[in-house]
Every structure is written in structure tokens, then in C-alpha cells.
Amino acid sequence: MNNELKKGNQSERILQTAFECISSKGYANVSMRDIADEAGVALSQLTYHYKNKDGLLTEVIKMMIQEYLIEVEEHLRKGVTPKEKLSDLITYFQEVLEENPRLFKMFYDFTSMSLWSAQFSNLLRNLFENLVNLIEKYVLDDIPLKSNLRTYTPKSIARMLLGAMFGTAIQVILDPQEKKLPEALNAIELLLV
């Protein structure tokens, strides 16, 4: 039992270290040796737990997705009205962009890689599908849409909202000196008012 706990702790430490290394340098700029050195373990321990770099990245993505979905849902539950819920989600995006832009950089890094890898593509597709479902459930259910939006399904509108938020977020990351860009997220609310 104690040996299993020790294995779990080492595996978790490697996973957290990989997350930190990749989020600060990018996937292409980090080697398995870098992660092993930072985690204070032998390189063979990484291959024991995760087989290879893609296996490790897969687990990092799963960990990140799980935490991110929990945080998004917590923010969507805060508001009472759909407009308040959307506003809370926008505020969350703005806070993450300001306080932890590395998270978005990782999403974009993983998204790029998912274009070429079926394994990563499935993970990211599931993430975006879960986010769309959360937006649909908490924001779009029981909301009277503007007349020009009524011809679209709530899922289509949720996809558009998510796309607008991620699209704006990448602009913020690429041009951090432009202080008005994070405010552009607030314009998303105009679609539902």
C-alpha cells in the first residue's frame, strides 16, 4: 500500500512538473529529460509511468481539461440569470488571460498539435464539446434569443460564443500591450441582450 502511494505521488509530481514545463516553454521546447530533471526523477521513471512524451502530454491534457471544466462550470453556476452566467464566464476568461495566460498558450499549443494527431484531436474535440454543452446548459437554456438568432440551434450559438472567446483570447496573448483587447470579450454579451 505504501509503495502504491509512493508511485502515485511520483507520478503526480511528474505530471505537475510536465504541466509547468510545457506551460512555460511550450511542448516543442521541452524534452523528457528536462521534465525528469525538474521533477527530480530519473528519465526512466517518466517512461515507466507515461511510456513516451506523447503519453505524458496526453495525461497533462487530461489533467488540464478536467481542472478547466470544473472551473468553467463553477463560474457558470455563479449567476442567476443567463446574462449573469455569461458575464461570469467572460469575467473568468478575462481573469485567466490576465493572471494565467500560460493556460491559454497551452490550449493553443495542444490545439495546433491536435490538427495532426488523432489522439490529441479526440481530447481537444471532447473539451470543446464539453464547453459548448456547459454554455448551452447554463447560458442558453430558457433564454429568449434575439429574433435574428432564433433560427440557429442553441448548440450553434454556444459554439459561436466559445469561438469568439477563444479567438479574442489568442489576440490578447499575441498583443499583450493592447489593453483594450480583453474588454472585447464583453462585446459577446451583445449577442444575447
C-alpha atoms as a PDB file:
ATOM      1  CA  MET A   1       0.000   0.000   0.000  1.00  0.00           C
ATOM      2  CA  ASN A   2       2.744   2.460   0.953  1.00  0.00           C
ATOM      3  CA  ASN A   3       4.631   1.559  -2.239  1.00  0.00           C
ATOM      4  CA  GLU A   4       1.497   2.308  -4.311  1.00  0.00           C
ATOM      5  CA  LEU A   5       1.121   5.679  -2.589  1.00  0.00           C
ATOM      6  CA  LYS A   6       4.752   6.490  -3.336  1.00  0.00           C
ATOM      7  CA  LYS A   7       4.250   5.567  -7.025  1.00  0.00           C
ATOM      8  CA  GLY A   8       1.163   7.777  -7.157  1.00  0.00           C
ATOM      9  CA  ASN A   9       2.995  10.690  -5.588  1.00  0.00           C
ATOM     10  CA  GLN A  10       5.893  10.346  -8.021  1.00  0.00           C
ATOM     11  CA  SER A  11       3.528  10.077 -10.963  1.00  0.00           C
ATOM     12  CA  GLU A  12       1.622  13.173  -9.794  1.00  0.00           C
ATOM     13  CA  ARG A  13       4.863  15.109  -9.277  1.00  0.00           C
ATOM     14  CA  ILE A  14       5.981  14.216 -12.800  1.00  0.00           C
ATOM     15  CA  LEU A  15       2.608  15.258 -14.199  1.00  0.00           C
ATOM     16  CA  GLN A  16       2.624  18.597 -12.364  1.00  0.00           C
ATOM     17  CA  THR A  17       6.215  19.247 -13.409  1.00  0.00           C
ATOM     18  CA  ALA A  18       5.393  18.419 -17.028  1.00  0.00           C
ATOM     19  CA  PHE A  19       2.459  20.837 -16.863  1.00  0.00           C
ATOM     20  CA  GLU A  20       4.709  23.607 -15.509  1.00  0.00           C
ATOM     21  CA  CYS A  21       7.482  22.962 -18.025  1.00  0.00           C
ATOM     22  CA  ILE A  22       5.163  22.769 -21.025  1.00  0.00           C
ATOM     23  CA  SER A  23       3.087  25.776 -19.959  1.00  0.00           C
ATOM     24  CA  SER A  24       6.183  27.934 -19.551  1.00  0.00           C
ATOM     25  CA  LYS A  25       8.211  26.791 -22.593  1.00  0.00           C
ATOM     26  CA  GLY A  26       5.799  25.064 -24.962  1.00  0.00           C
ATOM     27  CA  TYR A  27       5.621  21.395 -25.863  1.00  0.00           C
ATOM     28  CA  ALA A  28       8.199  21.545 -28.671  1.00  0.00           C
ATOM     29  CA  ASN A  29      10.753  23.236 -26.426  1.00  0.00           C
ATOM     30  CA  VAL A  30      10.632  20.744 -23.569  1.00  0.00           C
ATOM     31  CA  SER A  31      12.306  17.340 -23.550  1.00  0.00           C
ATOM     32  CA  MET A  32      11.589  14.336 -21.387  1.00  0.00           C
ATOM     33  CA  ARG A  33      14.998  14.898 -19.796  1.00  0.00           C
ATOM     34  CA  ASP A  34      14.027  18.498 -18.905  1.00  0.00           C
ATOM     35  CA  ILE A  35      10.902  17.237 -17.179  1.00  0.00           C
ATOM     36  CA  ALA A  36      12.766  14.449 -15.368  1.00  0.00           C
ATOM     37  CA  ASP A  37      15.421  16.897 -14.153  1.00  0.00           C
ATOM     38  CA  GLU A  38      12.803  19.385 -12.943  1.00  0.00           C
ATOM     39  CA  ALA A  39      10.819  16.629 -11.210  1.00  0.00           C
ATOM     40  CA  GLY A  40      13.966  15.253  -9.604  1.00  0.00           C
ATOM     41  CA  VAL A  41      13.492  11.755 -11.025  1.00  0.00           C
ATOM     42  CA  ALA A  42      15.407   9.534 -13.397  1.00  0.00           C
ATOM     43  CA  LEU A  43      14.372   9.696 -17.047  1.00  0.00           C
ATOM     44  CA  SER A  44      13.458   6.016 -16.839  1.00  0.00           C
ATOM     45  CA  GLN A  45      10.703   6.918 -14.344  1.00  0.00           C
ATOM     46  CA  LEU A  46       8.986   9.066 -16.962  1.00  0.00           C
ATOM     47  CA  THR A  47       8.972   6.217 -19.445  1.00  0.00           C
ATOM     48  CA  TYR A  48       7.822   3.829 -16.703  1.00  0.00           C
ATOM     49  CA  HIS A  49       4.798   5.973 -15.870  1.00  0.00           C
ATOM     50  CA  TYR A  50       3.992   7.514 -19.271  1.00  0.00           C
ATOM     51  CA  LYS A  51       5.856   5.477 -21.948  1.00  0.00           C
ATOM     52  CA  ASN A  52       6.897   8.498 -24.069  1.00  0.00           C
ATOM     53  CA  LYS A  53       6.457  12.235 -24.466  1.00  0.00           C
ATOM     54  CA  ASP A  54       3.100  11.873 -26.222  1.00  0.00           C
ATOM     55  CA  GLY A  55       1.858   9.627 -23.416  1.00  0.00           C
ATOM     56  CA  LEU A  56       2.931  12.206 -20.855  1.00  0.00           C
ATOM     57  CA  LEU A  57       1.337  15.010 -22.844  1.00  0.00           C
ATOM     58  CA  THR A  58      -1.895  13.051 -23.096  1.00  0.00           C
ATOM     59  CA  GLU A  59      -2.057  12.827 -19.312  1.00  0.00           C
ATOM     60  CA  VAL A  60      -1.191  16.538 -18.960  1.00  0.00           C
ATOM     61  CA  ILE A  61      -4.018  17.391 -21.353  1.00  0.00           C
ATOM     62  CA  LYS A  62      -6.467  15.189 -19.450  1.00  0.00           C
ATOM     63  CA  MET A  63      -5.476  16.804 -16.145  1.00  0.00           C
ATOM     64  CA  MET A  64      -5.756  20.301 -17.606  1.00  0.00           C
ATOM     65  CA  ILE A  65      -9.126  19.579 -19.211  1.00  0.00           C
ATOM     66  CA  GLN A  66     -10.580  18.182 -16.011  1.00  0.00           C
ATOM     67  CA  GLU A  67      -9.476  21.190 -13.943  1.00  0.00           C
ATOM     68  CA  TYR A  68     -10.534  23.677 -16.598  1.00  0.00           C
ATOM     69  CA  LEU A  69     -14.031  22.212 -16.995  1.00  0.00           C
ATOM     70  CA  ILE A  70     -14.549  22.298 -13.234  1.00  0.00           C
ATOM     71  CA  GLU A  71     -13.522  25.968 -13.074  1.00  0.00           C
ATOM     72  CA  VAL A  72     -15.702  26.943 -16.046  1.00  0.00           C
ATOM     73  CA  GLU A  73     -18.740  25.210 -14.571  1.00  0.00           C
ATOM     74  CA  GLU A  74     -18.142  26.868 -11.177  1.00  0.00           C
ATOM     75  CA  HIS A  75     -18.211  30.271 -12.855  1.00  0.00           C
ATOM     76  CA  LEU A  76     -21.282  29.447 -14.913  1.00  0.00           C
ATOM     77  CA  ARG A  77     -23.154  28.455 -11.749  1.00  0.00           C
ATOM     78  CA  LYS A  78     -22.489  31.806 -10.053  1.00  0.00           C
ATOM     79  CA  GLY A  79     -25.029  33.898 -11.882  1.00  0.00           C
ATOM     80  CA  VAL A  80     -28.774  33.669 -11.539  1.00  0.00           C
ATOM     81  CA  THR A  81     -29.866  34.801 -14.989  1.00  0.00           C
ATOM     82  CA  PRO A  82     -28.367  33.562 -18.249  1.00  0.00           C
ATOM     83  CA  LYS A  83     -26.906  37.023 -18.848  1.00  0.00           C
ATOM     84  CA  GLU A  84     -25.205  36.961 -15.427  1.00  0.00           C
ATOM     85  CA  LYS A  85     -23.883  33.467 -16.142  1.00  0.00           C
ATOM     86  CA  LEU A  86     -22.407  34.592 -19.465  1.00  0.00           C
ATOM     87  CA  SER A  87     -20.970  37.657 -17.777  1.00  0.00           C
ATOM     88  CA  ASP A  88     -19.338  35.447 -15.127  1.00  0.00           C
ATOM     89  CA  LEU A  89     -17.863  33.237 -17.847  1.00  0.00           C
ATOM     90  CA  ILE A  90     -16.477  36.262 -19.664  1.00  0.00           C
ATOM     91  CA  THR A  91     -15.019  37.567 -16.405  1.00  0.00           C
ATOM     92  CA  TYR A  92     -13.384  34.189 -15.850  1.00  0.00           C
ATOM     93  CA  PHE A  93     -11.794  34.305 -19.319  1.00  0.00           C
ATOM     94  CA  GLN A  94     -10.538  37.827 -18.622  1.00  0.00           C
ATOM     95  CA  GLU A  95      -9.081  36.795 -15.251  1.00  0.00           C
ATOM     96  CA  VAL A  96      -7.307  33.766 -16.713  1.00  0.00           C
ATOM     97  CA  LEU A  97      -5.907  35.897 -19.523  1.00  0.00           C
ATOM     98  CA  GLU A  98      -4.557  38.373 -17.004  1.00  0.00           C
ATOM     99  CA  GLU A  99      -3.415  36.006 -14.254  1.00  0.00           C
ATOM    100  CA  ASN A 100      -2.547  32.781 -16.090  1.00  0.00           C
ATOM    101  CA  PRO A 101      -2.084  33.342 -19.838  1.00  0.00           C
ATOM    102  CA  ARG A 102       0.083  30.202 -19.919  1.00  0.00           C
ATOM    103  CA  LEU A 103      -3.097  28.145 -19.676  1.00  0.00           C
ATOM    104  CA  PHE A 104      -4.384  29.622 -22.927  1.00  0.00           C
ATOM    105  CA  LYS A 105      -0.981  29.212 -24.543  1.00  0.00           C
ATOM    106  CA  MET A 106      -1.145  25.518 -23.690  1.00  0.00           C
ATOM    107  CA  PHE A 107      -4.617  25.252 -25.192  1.00  0.00           C
ATOM    108  CA  TYR A 108      -3.395  26.804 -28.414  1.00  0.00           C
ATOM    109  CA  ASP A 109      -0.275  24.626 -28.421  1.00  0.00           C
ATOM    110  CA  PHE A 110      -2.398  21.490 -27.916  1.00  0.00           C
ATOM    111  CA  THR A 111      -4.963  22.645 -30.464  1.00  0.00           C
ATOM    112  CA  SER A 112      -2.259  23.049 -33.069  1.00  0.00           C
ATOM    113  CA  MET A 113      -0.893  19.576 -32.336  1.00  0.00           C
ATOM    114  CA  SER A 114      -4.386  18.100 -32.470  1.00  0.00           C
ATOM    115  CA  LEU A 115      -4.625  19.048 -36.128  1.00  0.00           C
ATOM    116  CA  TRP A 116      -2.006  16.382 -36.856  1.00  0.00           C
ATOM    117  CA  SER A 117      -2.660  13.776 -34.179  1.00  0.00           C
ATOM    118  CA  ALA A 118      -5.852  11.756 -33.861  1.00  0.00           C
ATOM    119  CA  GLN A 119      -5.063  11.052 -30.199  1.00  0.00           C
ATOM    120  CA  PHE A 120      -4.799  14.743 -29.310  1.00  0.00           C
ATOM    121  CA  SER A 121      -7.639  15.650 -31.657  1.00  0.00           C
ATOM    122  CA  ASN A 122     -10.072  13.435 -29.746  1.00  0.00           C
ATOM    123  CA  LEU A 123      -9.077  15.015 -26.429  1.00  0.00           C
ATOM    124  CA  LEU A 124      -9.476  18.582 -27.664  1.00  0.00           C
ATOM    125  CA  ARG A 125     -12.670  17.833 -29.566  1.00  0.00           C
ATOM    126  CA  ASN A 126     -14.131  16.422 -26.337  1.00  0.00           C
ATOM    127  CA  LEU A 127     -13.002  19.507 -24.417  1.00  0.00           C
ATOM    128  CA  PHE A 128     -14.673  21.868 -26.854  1.00  0.00           C
ATOM    129  CA  GLU A 129     -17.800  19.716 -26.946  1.00  0.00           C
ATOM    130  CA  ASN A 130     -17.986  19.767 -23.126  1.00  0.00           C
ATOM    131  CA  LEU A 131     -17.507  23.545 -23.060  1.00  0.00           C
ATOM    132  CA  VAL A 132     -20.231  24.022 -25.666  1.00  0.00           C
ATOM    133  CA  ASN A 133     -22.550  21.797 -23.633  1.00  0.00           C
ATOM    134  CA  LEU A 134     -21.853  23.826 -20.477  1.00  0.00           C
ATOM    135  CA  ILE A 135     -22.572  27.113 -22.262  1.00  0.00           C
ATOM    136  CA  GLU A 136     -25.729  25.662 -23.760  1.00  0.00           C
ATOM    137  CA  LYS A 137     -26.893  24.298 -20.394  1.00  0.00           C
ATOM    138  CA  TYR A 138     -26.129  27.311 -18.207  1.00  0.00           C
ATOM    139  CA  VAL A 139     -26.485  30.252 -20.584  1.00  0.00           C
ATOM    140  CA  LEU A 140     -28.752  29.351 -23.471  1.00  0.00           C
ATOM    141  CA  ASP A 141     -31.391  27.128 -21.890  1.00  0.00           C
ATOM    142  CA  ASP A 142     -34.523  29.161 -21.156  1.00  0.00           C
ATOM    143  CA  ILE A 143     -33.199  32.414 -22.604  1.00  0.00           C
ATOM    144  CA  PRO A 144     -35.168  34.438 -25.103  1.00  0.00           C
ATOM    145  CA  LEU A 145     -32.804  34.981 -28.023  1.00  0.00           C
ATOM    146  CA  LYS A 146     -32.790  37.999 -30.284  1.00  0.00           C
ATOM    147  CA  SER A 147     -35.077  37.413 -33.235  1.00  0.00           C
ATOM    148  CA  ASN A 148     -32.167  37.105 -35.671  1.00  0.00           C
ATOM    149  CA  LEU A 149     -30.678  34.274 -33.564  1.00  0.00           C
ATOM    150  CA  ARG A 150     -33.830  32.185 -33.208  1.00  0.00           C
ATOM    151  CA  THR A 151     -33.183  30.324 -36.450  1.00  0.00           C
ATOM    152  CA  TYR A 152     -29.984  28.803 -35.007  1.00  0.00           C
ATOM    153  CA  THR A 153     -29.778  25.932 -32.559  1.00  0.00           C
ATOM    154  CA  PRO A 154     -28.551  26.661 -29.034  1.00  0.00           C
ATOM    155  CA  LYS A 155     -25.541  24.403 -29.749  1.00  0.00           C
ATOM    156  CA  SER A 156     -24.605  26.531 -32.791  1.00  0.00           C
ATOM    157  CA  ILE A 157     -24.856  29.704 -30.736  1.00  0.00           C
ATOM    158  CA  ALA A 158     -22.819  28.129 -27.911  1.00  0.00           C
ATOM    159  CA  ARG A 159     -20.115  27.194 -30.442  1.00  0.00           C
ATOM    160  CA  MET A 160     -20.084  30.757 -31.742  1.00  0.00           C
ATOM    161  CA  LEU A 161     -19.788  32.171 -28.208  1.00  0.00           C
ATOM    162  CA  LEU A 162     -16.938  29.808 -27.355  1.00  0.00           C
ATOM    163  CA  GLY A 163     -15.193  30.545 -30.642  1.00  0.00           C
ATOM    164  CA  ALA A 164     -15.474  34.281 -30.047  1.00  0.00           C
ATOM    165  CA  MET A 165     -13.981  33.930 -26.563  1.00  0.00           C
ATOM    166  CA  PHE A 166     -11.068  31.745 -27.675  1.00  0.00           C
ATOM    167  CA  GLY A 167     -10.485  33.892 -30.753  1.00  0.00           C
ATOM    168  CA  THR A 168     -10.340  37.040 -28.657  1.00  0.00           C
ATOM    169  CA  ALA A 169      -8.100  35.310 -26.119  1.00  0.00           C
ATOM    170  CA  ILE A 170      -5.481  34.492 -28.747  1.00  0.00           C
ATOM    171  CA  GLN A 171      -5.490  38.108 -29.879  1.00  0.00           C
ATOM    172  CA  VAL A 172      -4.856  39.180 -26.283  1.00  0.00           C
ATOM    173  CA  ILE A 173      -1.966  36.737 -25.965  1.00  0.00           C
ATOM    174  CA  LEU A 174      -0.416  37.850 -29.257  1.00  0.00           C
ATOM    175  CA  ASP A 175      -0.723  41.541 -28.420  1.00  0.00           C
ATOM    176  CA  PRO A 176      -0.462  41.920 -24.625  1.00  0.00           C
ATOM    177  CA  GLN A 177       0.319  45.635 -24.986  1.00  0.00           C
ATOM    178  CA  GLU A 178      -3.136  46.333 -26.385  1.00  0.00           C
ATOM    179  CA  LYS A 179      -5.018  46.985 -23.163  1.00  0.00           C
ATOM    180  CA  LYS A 180      -8.473  47.235 -24.780  1.00  0.00           C
ATOM    181  CA  LEU A 181      -8.442  43.690 -26.190  1.00  0.00           C
ATOM    182  CA  PRO A 182      -9.618  41.911 -23.009  1.00  0.00           C
ATOM    183  CA  GLU A 183     -12.581  44.289 -22.958  1.00  0.00           C
ATOM    184  CA  ALA A 184     -13.568  42.927 -26.379  1.00  0.00           C
ATOM    185  CA  LEU A 185     -14.825  39.842 -24.566  1.00  0.00           C
ATOM    186  CA  ASN A 186     -17.566  41.995 -23.044  1.00  0.00           C
ATOM    187  CA  ALA A 187     -18.974  42.600 -26.534  1.00  0.00           C
ATOM    188  CA  ILE A 188     -20.008  38.949 -26.649  1.00  0.00           C
ATOM    189  CA  GLU A 189     -22.845  39.842 -24.286  1.00  0.00           C
ATOM    190  CA  LEU A 190     -24.399  41.943 -27.059  1.00  0.00           C
ATOM    191  CA  LEU A 191     -25.434  38.766 -28.822  1.00  0.00           C
ATOM    192  CA  LEU A 192     -27.876  37.872 -26.061  1.00  0.00           C
ATOM    193  CA  VAL A 193     -29.137  41.256 -24.943  1.00  0.00           C
END
